[in-house]
Amino acid sequence: MNTSHPTGADAGPAAEDPRPALPALPVTYRPTATVAVLMSLGALAFVTLTAIGFALPSEGPVRHSIGEQAAFCLAGLLIWAVLALLSRPRVTATDQGLTVVNLTSVRRLEWAQVVRVNLRDGDSWASLDLHDGTALPVMAIQPAAGREAAVRRARALRDLVEAHGAPDRG
């Protein structure tokens, strides 16, 4: 009796591998809900402070200068800029390697430079162990934005590293 699967895979225990197929490259992971919330709050802060700035009276017993009014607008813009900075983290995987974007840094890595992907209980975000013995945080994969999604993304990234990494890795 032929027990082979139509795709050529065994119907035995190996066929029960729960790992999904590798994602198609390029693929980008980022905390999408967090980005939406931060950018919405930034826009709300800007609009609110700008409205307050324009609502300040420039005549009457309590007068506010144009500079004071503009300061409210600039404060709203500054808040929005800080929230935009906080929404920046992402990691992009391509055929050539990974690009990790954190708050203030961008690091491009070839696949062979990445030894392992880590996301342990209690970690604020995933990290990459690199071939030079250092670790690189991947702030785009955050359990705080959803534990199951973060684990799923870290596993997908790990699978990509294993599939594209150095062949002599053990």
C-alpha atoms as a PDB file:
ATOM      1  CA  MET A   1       0.000   0.000   0.000  1.00  0.00           C
ATOM      2  CA  ASN A   2       1.337   3.414  -0.954  1.00  0.00           C
ATOM      3  CA  THR A   3       1.369   5.738   2.073  1.00  0.00           C
ATOM      4  CA  SER A   4       2.869   8.751   0.335  1.00  0.00           C
ATOM      5  CA  HIS A   5       1.057  12.050   0.336  1.00  0.00           C
ATOM      6  CA  PRO A   6       0.147  13.533  -3.097  1.00  0.00           C
ATOM      7  CA  THR A   7       2.815  16.180  -2.573  1.00  0.00           C
ATOM      8  CA  GLY A   8       5.447  13.527  -1.940  1.00  0.00           C
ATOM      9  CA  ALA A   9       5.524  13.963   1.835  1.00  0.00           C
ATOM     10  CA  ASP A  10       5.137  11.027   4.201  1.00  0.00           C
ATOM     11  CA  ALA A  11       1.770  10.621   5.847  1.00  0.00           C
ATOM     12  CA  GLY A  12       3.627   9.677   9.057  1.00  0.00           C
ATOM     13  CA  PRO A  13       4.619  11.855  12.025  1.00  0.00           C
ATOM     14  CA  ALA A  14       6.621  14.272   9.877  1.00  0.00           C
ATOM     15  CA  ALA A  15       3.421  15.222   8.022  1.00  0.00           C
ATOM     16  CA  GLU A  16       2.028  16.552  11.302  1.00  0.00           C
ATOM     17  CA  ASP A  17       4.666  19.318  11.527  1.00  0.00           C
ATOM     18  CA  PRO A  18       2.700  22.352  12.784  1.00  0.00           C
ATOM     19  CA  ARG A  19       5.120  24.864  11.237  1.00  0.00           C
ATOM     20  CA  PRO A  20       3.540  26.933   8.503  1.00  0.00           C
ATOM     21  CA  ALA A  21       5.281  27.471   5.201  1.00  0.00           C
ATOM     22  CA  LEU A  22       7.933  30.181   5.042  1.00  0.00           C
ATOM     23  CA  PRO A  23       6.496  33.612   4.303  1.00  0.00           C
ATOM     24  CA  ALA A  24       7.121  34.968   0.825  1.00  0.00           C
ATOM     25  CA  LEU A  25       9.920  37.522   0.703  1.00  0.00           C
ATOM     26  CA  PRO A  26      10.025  40.443   1.144  1.00  0.00           C
ATOM     27  CA  VAL A  27       8.042  40.440   4.383  1.00  0.00           C
ATOM     28  CA  THR A  28       7.819  43.193   7.001  1.00  0.00           C
ATOM     29  CA  TYR A  29       6.810  42.765  10.622  1.00  0.00           C
ATOM     30  CA  ARG A  30       5.737  45.742  12.712  1.00  0.00           C
ATOM     31  CA  PRO A  31       3.340  46.257  15.637  1.00  0.00           C
ATOM     32  CA  THR A  32       0.535  47.533  13.390  1.00  0.00           C
ATOM     33  CA  ALA A  33      -2.044  48.159  16.124  1.00  0.00           C
ATOM     34  CA  THR A  34       0.518  50.068  18.177  1.00  0.00           C
ATOM     35  CA  VAL A  35       1.422  52.202  15.157  1.00  0.00           C
ATOM     36  CA  ALA A  36      -2.248  52.993  14.506  1.00  0.00           C
ATOM     37  CA  VAL A  37      -2.850  53.972  18.129  1.00  0.00           C
ATOM     38  CA  LEU A  38       0.302  56.110  18.383  1.00  0.00           C
ATOM     39  CA  MET A  39      -0.310  57.961  15.126  1.00  0.00           C
ATOM     40  CA  SER A  40      -3.979  58.541  16.006  1.00  0.00           C
ATOM     41  CA  LEU A  41      -3.018  59.921  19.413  1.00  0.00           C
ATOM     42  CA  GLY A  42      -0.378  62.120  17.780  1.00  0.00           C
ATOM     43  CA  ALA A  43      -2.890  63.534  15.316  1.00  0.00           C
ATOM     44  CA  LEU A  44      -5.401  64.085  18.115  1.00  0.00           C
ATOM     45  CA  ALA A  45      -2.815  65.889  20.259  1.00  0.00           C
ATOM     46  CA  PHE A  46      -1.791  68.091  17.333  1.00  0.00           C
ATOM     47  CA  VAL A  47      -5.362  68.994  16.390  1.00  0.00           C
ATOM     48  CA  THR A  48      -6.370  69.634  20.012  1.00  0.00           C
ATOM     49  CA  LEU A  49      -3.371  71.811  20.859  1.00  0.00           C
ATOM     50  CA  THR A  50      -3.679  73.694  17.582  1.00  0.00           C
ATOM     51  CA  ALA A  51      -7.357  74.389  18.299  1.00  0.00           C
ATOM     52  CA  ILE A  52      -6.449  75.608  21.784  1.00  0.00           C
ATOM     53  CA  GLY A  53      -3.732  77.802  20.312  1.00  0.00           C
ATOM     54  CA  PHE A  54      -6.142  79.415  17.859  1.00  0.00           C
ATOM     55  CA  ALA A  55      -8.809  79.768  20.562  1.00  0.00           C
ATOM     56  CA  LEU A  56      -6.543  81.816  22.830  1.00  0.00           C
ATOM     57  CA  PRO A  57      -7.758  85.415  22.795  1.00  0.00           C
ATOM     58  CA  SER A  58      -5.443  87.930  21.174  1.00  0.00           C
ATOM     59  CA  GLU A  59      -7.538  90.852  22.410  1.00  0.00           C
ATOM     60  CA  GLY A  60      -9.278  91.711  25.645  1.00  0.00           C
ATOM     61  CA  PRO A  61      -8.127  91.747  29.262  1.00  0.00           C
ATOM     62  CA  VAL A  62      -5.958  88.633  28.844  1.00  0.00           C
ATOM     63  CA  ARG A  63      -4.023  88.875  25.600  1.00  0.00           C
ATOM     64  CA  HIS A  64      -1.953  86.103  24.091  1.00  0.00           C
ATOM     65  CA  SER A  65       0.697  86.807  21.523  1.00  0.00           C
ATOM     66  CA  ILE A  66       1.072  85.037  18.220  1.00  0.00           C
ATOM     67  CA  GLY A  67       4.137  83.337  19.723  1.00  0.00           C
ATOM     68  CA  GLU A  68       2.086  81.839  22.539  1.00  0.00           C
ATOM     69  CA  GLN A  69      -0.502  80.627  20.075  1.00  0.00           C
ATOM     70  CA  ALA A  70       2.181  79.156  17.839  1.00  0.00           C
ATOM     71  CA  ALA A  71       3.771  77.432  20.857  1.00  0.00           C
ATOM     72  CA  PHE A  72       0.608  75.366  21.299  1.00  0.00           C
ATOM     73  CA  CYS A  73       0.750  74.296  17.644  1.00  0.00           C
ATOM     74  CA  LEU A  74       4.437  73.440  17.918  1.00  0.00           C
ATOM     75  CA  ALA A  75       3.849  71.481  21.131  1.00  0.00           C
ATOM     76  CA  GLY A  76       1.212  69.400  19.338  1.00  0.00           C
ATOM     77  CA  LEU A  77       3.588  68.848  16.440  1.00  0.00           C
ATOM     78  CA  LEU A  78       6.379  67.825  18.823  1.00  0.00           C
ATOM     79  CA  ILE A  79       4.115  65.301  20.576  1.00  0.00           C
ATOM     80  CA  TRP A  80       3.111  63.870  17.215  1.00  0.00           C
ATOM     81  CA  ALA A  81       6.770  63.618  16.143  1.00  0.00           C
ATOM     82  CA  VAL A  82       7.715  61.749  19.331  1.00  0.00           C
ATOM     83  CA  LEU A  83       4.823  59.329  18.860  1.00  0.00           C
ATOM     84  CA  ALA A  84       5.852  58.849  15.223  1.00  0.00           C
ATOM     85  CA  LEU A  85       9.355  57.983  16.420  1.00  0.00           C
ATOM     86  CA  LEU A  86       7.893  55.415  18.821  1.00  0.00           C
ATOM     87  CA  SER A  87       5.926  53.869  15.943  1.00  0.00           C
ATOM     88  CA  ARG A  88       9.029  53.442  13.751  1.00  0.00           C
ATOM     89  CA  PRO A  89      10.192  49.892  14.677  1.00  0.00           C
ATOM     90  CA  ARG A  90       9.945  47.241  11.977  1.00  0.00           C
ATOM     91  CA  VAL A  91      11.939  44.329  10.623  1.00  0.00           C
ATOM     92  CA  THR A  92      12.011  43.515   6.913  1.00  0.00           C
ATOM     93  CA  ALA A  93      13.258  40.234   5.516  1.00  0.00           C
ATOM     94  CA  THR A  94      14.410  40.092   1.872  1.00  0.00           C
ATOM     95  CA  ASP A  95      16.406  37.620  -0.191  1.00  0.00           C
ATOM     96  CA  GLN A  96      19.581  39.469   0.842  1.00  0.00           C
ATOM     97  CA  GLY A  97      18.926  39.550   4.601  1.00  0.00           C
ATOM     98  CA  LEU A  98      17.229  41.552   7.328  1.00  0.00           C
ATOM     99  CA  THR A  99      16.733  45.248   7.918  1.00  0.00           C
ATOM    100  CA  VAL A 100      15.994  46.029  11.565  1.00  0.00           C
ATOM    101  CA  VAL A 101      14.591  49.499  12.263  1.00  0.00           C
ATOM    102  CA  ASN A 102      14.414  50.469  15.938  1.00  0.00           C
ATOM    103  CA  LEU A 103      13.647  53.891  17.416  1.00  0.00           C
ATOM    104  CA  THR A 104      16.768  55.725  16.296  1.00  0.00           C
ATOM    105  CA  SER A 105      18.770  53.150  14.375  1.00  0.00           C
ATOM    106  CA  VAL A 106      18.636  51.098  11.190  1.00  0.00           C
ATOM    107  CA  ARG A 107      20.768  47.980  10.826  1.00  0.00           C
ATOM    108  CA  ARG A 108      21.067  45.892   7.671  1.00  0.00           C
ATOM    109  CA  LEU A 109      22.215  42.315   8.145  1.00  0.00           C
ATOM    110  CA  GLU A 110      23.041  39.534   5.758  1.00  0.00           C
ATOM    111  CA  TRP A 111      21.376  36.226   6.598  1.00  0.00           C
ATOM    112  CA  ALA A 112      24.713  34.668   7.554  1.00  0.00           C
ATOM    113  CA  GLN A 113      25.227  37.318  10.257  1.00  0.00           C
ATOM    114  CA  VAL A 114      22.180  36.158  12.225  1.00  0.00           C
ATOM    115  CA  VAL A 115      22.737  33.131  14.462  1.00  0.00           C
ATOM    116  CA  ARG A 116      19.431  32.949  16.317  1.00  0.00           C
ATOM    117  CA  VAL A 117      16.111  34.696  16.977  1.00  0.00           C
ATOM    118  CA  ASN A 118      15.109  34.935  20.658  1.00  0.00           C
ATOM    119  CA  LEU A 119      11.830  35.799  22.344  1.00  0.00           C
ATOM    120  CA  ARG A 120      11.834  34.524  25.903  1.00  0.00           C
ATOM    121  CA  ASP A 121       9.139  34.900  28.547  1.00  0.00           C
ATOM    122  CA  GLY A 122       9.438  38.337  30.102  1.00  0.00           C
ATOM    123  CA  ASP A 123      11.305  39.890  27.147  1.00  0.00           C
ATOM    124  CA  SER A 124       9.993  43.280  26.050  1.00  0.00           C
ATOM    125  CA  TRP A 125      10.803  42.415  22.431  1.00  0.00           C
ATOM    126  CA  ALA A 126      12.590  39.841  20.318  1.00  0.00           C
ATOM    127  CA  SER A 127      16.337  39.920  19.788  1.00  0.00           C
ATOM    128  CA  LEU A 128      18.809  38.550  17.279  1.00  0.00           C
ATOM    129  CA  ASP A 129      22.005  36.814  18.317  1.00  0.00           C
ATOM    130  CA  LEU A 130      24.629  37.845  15.776  1.00  0.00           C
ATOM    131  CA  HIS A 131      27.723  35.985  14.555  1.00  0.00           C
ATOM    132  CA  ASP A 132      30.035  38.487  16.282  1.00  0.00           C
ATOM    133  CA  GLY A 133      28.637  37.583  19.713  1.00  0.00           C
ATOM    134  CA  THR A 134      26.425  40.658  20.093  1.00  0.00           C
ATOM    135  CA  ALA A 135      22.650  40.845  20.321  1.00  0.00           C
ATOM    136  CA  LEU A 136      20.389  43.211  18.396  1.00  0.00           C
ATOM    137  CA  PRO A 137      16.945  44.095  19.743  1.00  0.00           C
ATOM    138  CA  VAL A 138      14.038  43.741  17.329  1.00  0.00           C
ATOM    139  CA  MET A 139      11.531  46.181  18.801  1.00  0.00           C
ATOM    140  CA  ALA A 140       9.061  45.410  16.001  1.00  0.00           C
ATOM    141  CA  ILE A 141       8.203  42.069  17.615  1.00  0.00           C
ATOM    142  CA  GLN A 142       6.680  43.005  20.977  1.00  0.00           C
ATOM    143  CA  PRO A 143       4.673  40.663  23.209  1.00  0.00           C
ATOM    144  CA  ALA A 144       2.967  43.720  24.726  1.00  0.00           C
ATOM    145  CA  ALA A 145       1.211  44.257  21.387  1.00  0.00           C
ATOM    146  CA  GLY A 146      -0.120  40.673  21.485  1.00  0.00           C
ATOM    147  CA  ARG A 147       1.764  37.673  22.863  1.00  0.00           C
ATOM    148  CA  GLU A 148       0.492  35.107  20.325  1.00  0.00           C
ATOM    149  CA  ALA A 149       1.215  37.368  17.346  1.00  0.00           C
ATOM    150  CA  ALA A 150       4.702  38.139  18.681  1.00  0.00           C
ATOM    151  CA  VAL A 151       5.495  34.434  19.145  1.00  0.00           C
ATOM    152  CA  ARG A 152       4.145  33.650  15.673  1.00  0.00           C
ATOM    153  CA  ARG A 153       6.251  36.422  14.098  1.00  0.00           C
ATOM    154  CA  ALA A 154       9.371  35.434  16.038  1.00  0.00           C
ATOM    155  CA  ARG A 155       8.938  31.826  14.888  1.00  0.00           C
ATOM    156  CA  ALA A 156       8.467  32.928  11.280  1.00  0.00           C
ATOM    157  CA  LEU A 157      11.609  35.061  11.527  1.00  0.00           C
ATOM    158  CA  ARG A 158      13.477  32.146  13.117  1.00  0.00           C
ATOM    159  CA  ASP A 159      12.357  29.852  10.282  1.00  0.00           C
ATOM    160  CA  LEU A 160      13.566  32.394   7.723  1.00  0.00           C
ATOM    161  CA  VAL A 161      16.938  32.674   9.482  1.00  0.00           C
ATOM    162  CA  GLU A 162      17.274  28.882   9.526  1.00  0.00           C
ATOM    163  CA  ALA A 163      16.291  28.612   5.859  1.00  0.00           C
ATOM    164  CA  HIS A 164      18.523  31.436   4.562  1.00  0.00           C
ATOM    165  CA  GLY A 165      21.350  31.452   7.085  1.00  0.00           C
ATOM    166  CA  ALA A 166      24.835  30.024   6.960  1.00  0.00           C
ATOM    167  CA  PRO A 167      24.854  26.315   5.998  1.00  0.00           C
ATOM    168  CA  ASP A 168      27.478  25.407   8.645  1.00  0.00           C
ATOM    169  CA  ARG A 169      25.249  26.559  11.516  1.00  0.00           C
ATOM    170  CA  GLY A 170      24.640  23.856  14.098  1.00  0.00           C
END
